[in-house]
């Protein structure tokens, strides 16, 4: 620390010790009365000490019961978050799997789906729609529909559970 006056170092040590002004050396007290930089240092130090003491007096301390209760709530919330993190990851993975399975199923049977949709939209207007293969051709389509239905049910459940948390 750079001192502007030779007495400032002695003044700083007296301030750090916290002794009252009356117990200081008489030469230091008379110097402070004459020296402007030492007087400013003393005034600033006293102002800061007074503000600190006022803040300490005005600080509100919570009751021990309240502090204990808040700590318990924080611990419980942290434990719940640690426990549910893997579940949330699995739910997100299931939702991503559902979307990819649905997209793959639509891509795989897109011609049959488009033909069926055209037949539903206007059965007599499009002769090509009447000739389009139906969706219930063979066991593969039936199994695919059952699988997609199962995935849709579980996806709906996953989406419901995800939305319920929010």
C-alpha atoms as a PDB file:
ATOM      1  CA  UNK A   1       0.000   0.000   0.000  1.00  0.00           C
ATOM      2  CA  UNK A   2       1.374   3.432  -0.896  1.00  0.00           C
ATOM      3  CA  UNK A   3       1.232   5.986   1.892  1.00  0.00           C
ATOM      4  CA  UNK A   4       1.142   9.735   1.259  1.00  0.00           C
ATOM      5  CA  UNK A   5       2.213  10.598   4.787  1.00  0.00           C
ATOM      6  CA  UNK A   6       4.667   8.953   7.180  1.00  0.00           C
ATOM      7  CA  UNK A   7       1.963   8.733   9.886  1.00  0.00           C
ATOM      8  CA  UNK A   8      -0.561   6.877   7.689  1.00  0.00           C
ATOM      9  CA  UNK A   9       1.056   3.500   8.330  1.00  0.00           C
ATOM     10  CA  UNK A  10       0.747   4.038  12.086  1.00  0.00           C
ATOM     11  CA  UNK A  11      -2.836   5.243  11.651  1.00  0.00           C
ATOM     12  CA  UNK A  12      -3.731   2.151   9.624  1.00  0.00           C
ATOM     13  CA  UNK A  13      -2.285  -0.146  12.283  1.00  0.00           C
ATOM     14  CA  UNK A  14      -4.291   1.652  14.998  1.00  0.00           C
ATOM     15  CA  UNK A  15      -7.463   1.362  12.911  1.00  0.00           C
ATOM     16  CA  UNK A  16      -6.884  -2.353  12.353  1.00  0.00           C
ATOM     17  CA  UNK A  17      -6.453  -2.932  16.074  1.00  0.00           C
ATOM     18  CA  UNK A  18      -9.808  -1.257  16.693  1.00  0.00           C
ATOM     19  CA  UNK A  19      -8.736   0.689  19.732  1.00  0.00           C
ATOM     20  CA  UNK A  20     -10.652   3.895  20.600  1.00  0.00           C
ATOM     21  CA  UNK A  21      -9.122   7.247  19.595  1.00  0.00           C
ATOM     22  CA  UNK A  22      -8.476   8.208  23.211  1.00  0.00           C
ATOM     23  CA  UNK A  23      -5.978   5.362  23.591  1.00  0.00           C
ATOM     24  CA  UNK A  24      -3.898   6.424  20.584  1.00  0.00           C
ATOM     25  CA  UNK A  25      -0.587   8.194  20.897  1.00  0.00           C
ATOM     26  CA  UNK A  26      -0.980  11.935  21.457  1.00  0.00           C
ATOM     27  CA  UNK A  27       1.417  12.792  18.615  1.00  0.00           C
ATOM     28  CA  UNK A  28      -0.686  10.715  16.199  1.00  0.00           C
ATOM     29  CA  UNK A  29      -3.893  12.429  17.305  1.00  0.00           C
ATOM     30  CA  UNK A  30      -2.397  15.903  16.913  1.00  0.00           C
ATOM     31  CA  UNK A  31      -0.967  14.938  13.510  1.00  0.00           C
ATOM     32  CA  UNK A  32      -4.368  13.745  12.302  1.00  0.00           C
ATOM     33  CA  UNK A  33      -5.846  17.101  13.267  1.00  0.00           C
ATOM     34  CA  UNK A  34      -3.262  18.893  11.095  1.00  0.00           C
ATOM     35  CA  UNK A  35      -2.767  16.446   8.159  1.00  0.00           C
ATOM     36  CA  UNK A  36      -5.533  16.414   5.563  1.00  0.00           C
ATOM     37  CA  UNK A  37      -4.738  12.968   4.043  1.00  0.00           C
ATOM     38  CA  UNK A  38      -4.622  11.275   7.468  1.00  0.00           C
ATOM     39  CA  UNK A  39      -7.836  13.018   8.488  1.00  0.00           C
ATOM     40  CA  UNK A  40      -9.537  11.835   5.263  1.00  0.00           C
ATOM     41  CA  UNK A  41      -8.308   8.301   5.866  1.00  0.00           C
ATOM     42  CA  UNK A  42      -9.716   8.370   9.383  1.00  0.00           C
ATOM     43  CA  UNK A  43     -13.089   9.746   8.220  1.00  0.00           C
ATOM     44  CA  UNK A  44     -13.458   7.166   5.464  1.00  0.00           C
ATOM     45  CA  UNK A  45     -12.461   4.346   7.805  1.00  0.00           C
ATOM     46  CA  UNK A  46     -14.944   5.460  10.467  1.00  0.00           C
ATOM     47  CA  UNK A  47     -17.732   5.769   7.898  1.00  0.00           C
ATOM     48  CA  UNK A  48     -17.074   2.252   6.616  1.00  0.00           C
ATOM     49  CA  UNK A  49     -16.931   0.817  10.129  1.00  0.00           C
ATOM     50  CA  UNK A  50     -20.193   2.543  11.043  1.00  0.00           C
ATOM     51  CA  UNK A  51     -21.928   1.210   7.922  1.00  0.00           C
ATOM     52  CA  UNK A  52     -20.656  -2.280   8.688  1.00  0.00           C
ATOM     53  CA  UNK A  53     -21.911  -2.187  12.257  1.00  0.00           C
ATOM     54  CA  UNK A  54     -25.320  -0.888  11.144  1.00  0.00           C
ATOM     55  CA  UNK A  55     -25.613  -3.657   8.555  1.00  0.00           C
ATOM     56  CA  UNK A  56     -24.688  -6.298  11.125  1.00  0.00           C
ATOM     57  CA  UNK A  57     -27.279  -4.933  13.565  1.00  0.00           C
ATOM     58  CA  UNK A  58     -30.010  -4.761  10.924  1.00  0.00           C
ATOM     59  CA  UNK A  59     -29.372  -8.239   9.499  1.00  0.00           C
ATOM     60  CA  UNK A  60     -32.303 -10.550  10.038  1.00  0.00           C
ATOM     61  CA  UNK A  61     -31.346 -14.029  11.084  1.00  0.00           C
ATOM     62  CA  UNK A  62     -33.852 -16.756  10.374  1.00  0.00           C
ATOM     63  CA  UNK A  63     -34.870 -19.129  13.105  1.00  0.00           C
ATOM     64  CA  UNK A  64     -32.990 -22.433  13.282  1.00  0.00           C
ATOM     65  CA  UNK A  65     -36.190 -24.331  12.533  1.00  0.00           C
ATOM     66  CA  UNK A  66     -36.715 -22.397   9.325  1.00  0.00           C
ATOM     67  CA  UNK A  67     -33.108 -22.934   8.247  1.00  0.00           C
ATOM     68  CA  UNK A  68     -33.384 -26.666   8.967  1.00  0.00           C
ATOM     69  CA  UNK A  69     -36.643 -26.912   7.037  1.00  0.00           C
ATOM     70  CA  UNK A  70     -35.158 -25.107   4.021  1.00  0.00           C
ATOM     71  CA  UNK A  71     -32.131 -27.409   4.067  1.00  0.00           C
ATOM     72  CA  UNK A  72     -34.408 -30.459   4.165  1.00  0.00           C
ATOM     73  CA  UNK A  73     -36.450 -29.171   1.224  1.00  0.00           C
ATOM     74  CA  UNK A  74     -33.272 -28.506  -0.785  1.00  0.00           C
ATOM     75  CA  UNK A  75     -31.933 -31.983  -0.022  1.00  0.00           C
ATOM     76  CA  UNK A  76     -35.230 -33.627  -0.971  1.00  0.00           C
ATOM     77  CA  UNK A  77     -35.486 -31.657  -4.215  1.00  0.00           C
ATOM     78  CA  UNK A  78     -31.898 -32.534  -5.108  1.00  0.00           C
ATOM     79  CA  UNK A  79     -32.535 -36.215  -4.420  1.00  0.00           C
ATOM     80  CA  UNK A  80     -35.722 -36.172  -6.504  1.00  0.00           C
ATOM     81  CA  UNK A  81     -33.898 -34.515  -9.367  1.00  0.00           C
ATOM     82  CA  UNK A  82     -31.090 -37.093  -9.257  1.00  0.00           C
ATOM     83  CA  UNK A  83     -33.585 -39.963  -9.176  1.00  0.00           C
ATOM     84  CA  UNK A  84     -35.828 -38.678 -11.964  1.00  0.00           C
ATOM     85  CA  UNK A  85     -33.037 -37.645 -14.357  1.00  0.00           C
ATOM     86  CA  UNK A  86     -32.655 -41.171 -15.881  1.00  0.00           C
ATOM     87  CA  UNK A  87     -36.437 -41.477 -16.189  1.00  0.00           C
ATOM     88  CA  UNK A  88     -36.643 -38.197 -18.086  1.00  0.00           C
ATOM     89  CA  UNK A  89     -33.853 -39.349 -20.414  1.00  0.00           C
ATOM     90  CA  UNK A  90     -35.682 -42.607 -21.117  1.00  0.00           C
ATOM     91  CA  UNK A  91     -38.911 -40.697 -21.803  1.00  0.00           C
ATOM     92  CA  UNK A  92     -37.134 -38.461 -24.304  1.00  0.00           C
ATOM     93  CA  UNK A  93     -35.521 -41.487 -25.931  1.00  0.00           C
ATOM     94  CA  UNK A  94     -38.932 -43.184 -26.185  1.00  0.00           C
ATOM     95  CA  UNK A  95     -40.431 -40.085 -27.796  1.00  0.00           C
ATOM     96  CA  UNK A  96     -37.574 -39.871 -30.297  1.00  0.00           C
ATOM     97  CA  UNK A  97     -37.950 -43.607 -31.040  1.00  0.00           C
ATOM     98  CA  UNK A  98     -41.674 -43.185 -31.605  1.00  0.00           C
ATOM     99  CA  UNK A  99     -41.163 -40.350 -34.051  1.00  0.00           C
ATOM    100  CA  UNK A 100     -38.491 -42.264 -35.952  1.00  0.00           C
ATOM    101  CA  UNK A 101     -40.643 -45.428 -36.114  1.00  0.00           C
ATOM    102  CA  UNK A 102     -43.630 -43.442 -37.365  1.00  0.00           C
ATOM    103  CA  UNK A 103     -41.542 -41.707 -40.021  1.00  0.00           C
ATOM    104  CA  UNK A 104     -39.990 -45.012 -41.084  1.00  0.00           C
ATOM    105  CA  UNK A 105     -43.431 -46.632 -41.270  1.00  0.00           C
ATOM    106  CA  UNK A 106     -44.804 -43.800 -43.381  1.00  0.00           C
ATOM    107  CA  UNK A 107     -41.767 -43.937 -45.659  1.00  0.00           C
ATOM    108  CA  UNK A 108     -42.054 -47.721 -46.002  1.00  0.00           C
ATOM    109  CA  UNK A 109     -45.769 -47.806 -46.837  1.00  0.00           C
ATOM    110  CA  UNK A 110     -46.112 -44.348 -48.378  1.00  0.00           C
ATOM    111  CA  UNK A 111     -47.551 -45.571 -51.692  1.00  0.00           C
ATOM    112  CA  UNK A 112     -50.221 -47.646 -49.936  1.00  0.00           C
ATOM    113  CA  UNK A 113     -51.026 -44.783 -47.559  1.00  0.00           C
ATOM    114  CA  UNK A 114     -51.319 -42.265 -50.391  1.00  0.00           C
ATOM    115  CA  UNK A 115     -53.532 -44.636 -52.352  1.00  0.00           C
ATOM    116  CA  UNK A 116     -55.715 -45.266 -49.347  1.00  0.00           C
ATOM    117  CA  UNK A 117     -55.954 -41.526 -48.591  1.00  0.00           C
ATOM    118  CA  UNK A 118     -56.918 -40.803 -52.182  1.00  0.00           C
ATOM    119  CA  UNK A 119     -59.582 -43.484 -51.980  1.00  0.00           C
ATOM    120  CA  UNK A 120     -60.938 -42.021 -48.740  1.00  0.00           C
ATOM    121  CA  UNK A 121     -60.893 -38.449 -50.048  1.00  0.00           C
ATOM    122  CA  UNK A 122     -62.760 -39.122 -53.291  1.00  0.00           C
ATOM    123  CA  UNK A 123     -63.572 -42.791 -53.935  1.00  0.00           C
ATOM    124  CA  UNK A 124     -65.419 -42.253 -57.224  1.00  0.00           C
ATOM    125  CA  UNK A 125     -63.380 -39.348 -58.590  1.00  0.00           C
ATOM    126  CA  UNK A 126     -60.061 -41.186 -58.921  1.00  0.00           C
ATOM    127  CA  UNK A 127     -60.132 -44.500 -60.713  1.00  0.00           C
ATOM    128  CA  UNK A 128     -56.518 -45.019 -59.651  1.00  0.00           C
ATOM    129  CA  UNK A 129     -57.629 -44.892 -56.048  1.00  0.00           C
ATOM    130  CA  UNK A 130     -59.918 -47.851 -56.604  1.00  0.00           C
ATOM    131  CA  UNK A 131     -57.072 -49.836 -58.058  1.00  0.00           C
ATOM    132  CA  UNK A 132     -54.690 -48.860 -55.199  1.00  0.00           C
ATOM    133  CA  UNK A 133     -53.755 -51.728 -52.943  1.00  0.00           C
ATOM    134  CA  UNK A 134     -55.537 -51.739 -49.628  1.00  0.00           C
ATOM    135  CA  UNK A 135     -53.707 -51.336 -46.372  1.00  0.00           C
ATOM    136  CA  UNK A 136     -54.831 -54.715 -45.100  1.00  0.00           C
ATOM    137  CA  UNK A 137     -52.910 -56.756 -47.683  1.00  0.00           C
ATOM    138  CA  UNK A 138     -51.085 -59.599 -46.041  1.00  0.00           C
ATOM    139  CA  UNK A 139     -49.716 -60.324 -42.640  1.00  0.00           C
ATOM    140  CA  UNK A 140     -46.825 -57.867 -42.875  1.00  0.00           C
ATOM    141  CA  UNK A 141     -49.158 -54.910 -43.147  1.00  0.00           C
ATOM    142  CA  UNK A 142     -51.345 -56.237 -40.341  1.00  0.00           C
ATOM    143  CA  UNK A 143     -48.336 -56.692 -38.064  1.00  0.00           C
ATOM    144  CA  UNK A 144     -47.054 -53.257 -38.993  1.00  0.00           C
ATOM    145  CA  UNK A 145     -50.397 -51.691 -38.148  1.00  0.00           C
ATOM    146  CA  UNK A 146     -50.509 -53.515 -34.804  1.00  0.00           C
ATOM    147  CA  UNK A 147     -46.947 -52.432 -34.029  1.00  0.00           C
ATOM    148  CA  UNK A 148     -47.634 -48.838 -34.996  1.00  0.00           C
ATOM    149  CA  UNK A 149     -50.777 -48.853 -32.879  1.00  0.00           C
ATOM    150  CA  UNK A 150     -48.856 -50.158 -29.892  1.00  0.00           C
ATOM    151  CA  UNK A 151     -46.129 -47.578 -30.398  1.00  0.00           C
ATOM    152  CA  UNK A 152     -48.762 -44.853 -30.763  1.00  0.00           C
ATOM    153  CA  UNK A 153     -50.394 -45.860 -27.485  1.00  0.00           C
ATOM    154  CA  UNK A 154     -47.096 -45.851 -25.626  1.00  0.00           C
ATOM    155  CA  UNK A 155     -46.083 -42.591 -27.301  1.00  0.00           C
ATOM    156  CA  UNK A 156     -49.314 -40.993 -26.215  1.00  0.00           C
ATOM    157  CA  UNK A 157     -48.663 -42.195 -22.688  1.00  0.00           C
ATOM    158  CA  UNK A 158     -45.093 -40.845 -22.812  1.00  0.00           C
ATOM    159  CA  UNK A 159     -46.253 -37.477 -24.104  1.00  0.00           C
ATOM    160  CA  UNK A 160     -48.945 -37.335 -21.418  1.00  0.00           C
ATOM    161  CA  UNK A 161     -46.432 -38.091 -18.686  1.00  0.00           C
ATOM    162  CA  UNK A 162     -43.977 -35.535 -20.062  1.00  0.00           C
ATOM    163  CA  UNK A 163     -46.637 -32.833 -20.198  1.00  0.00           C
ATOM    164  CA  UNK A 164     -47.892 -33.727 -16.715  1.00  0.00           C
ATOM    165  CA  UNK A 165     -44.485 -32.865 -15.232  1.00  0.00           C
ATOM    166  CA  UNK A 166     -44.544 -29.381 -16.713  1.00  0.00           C
END
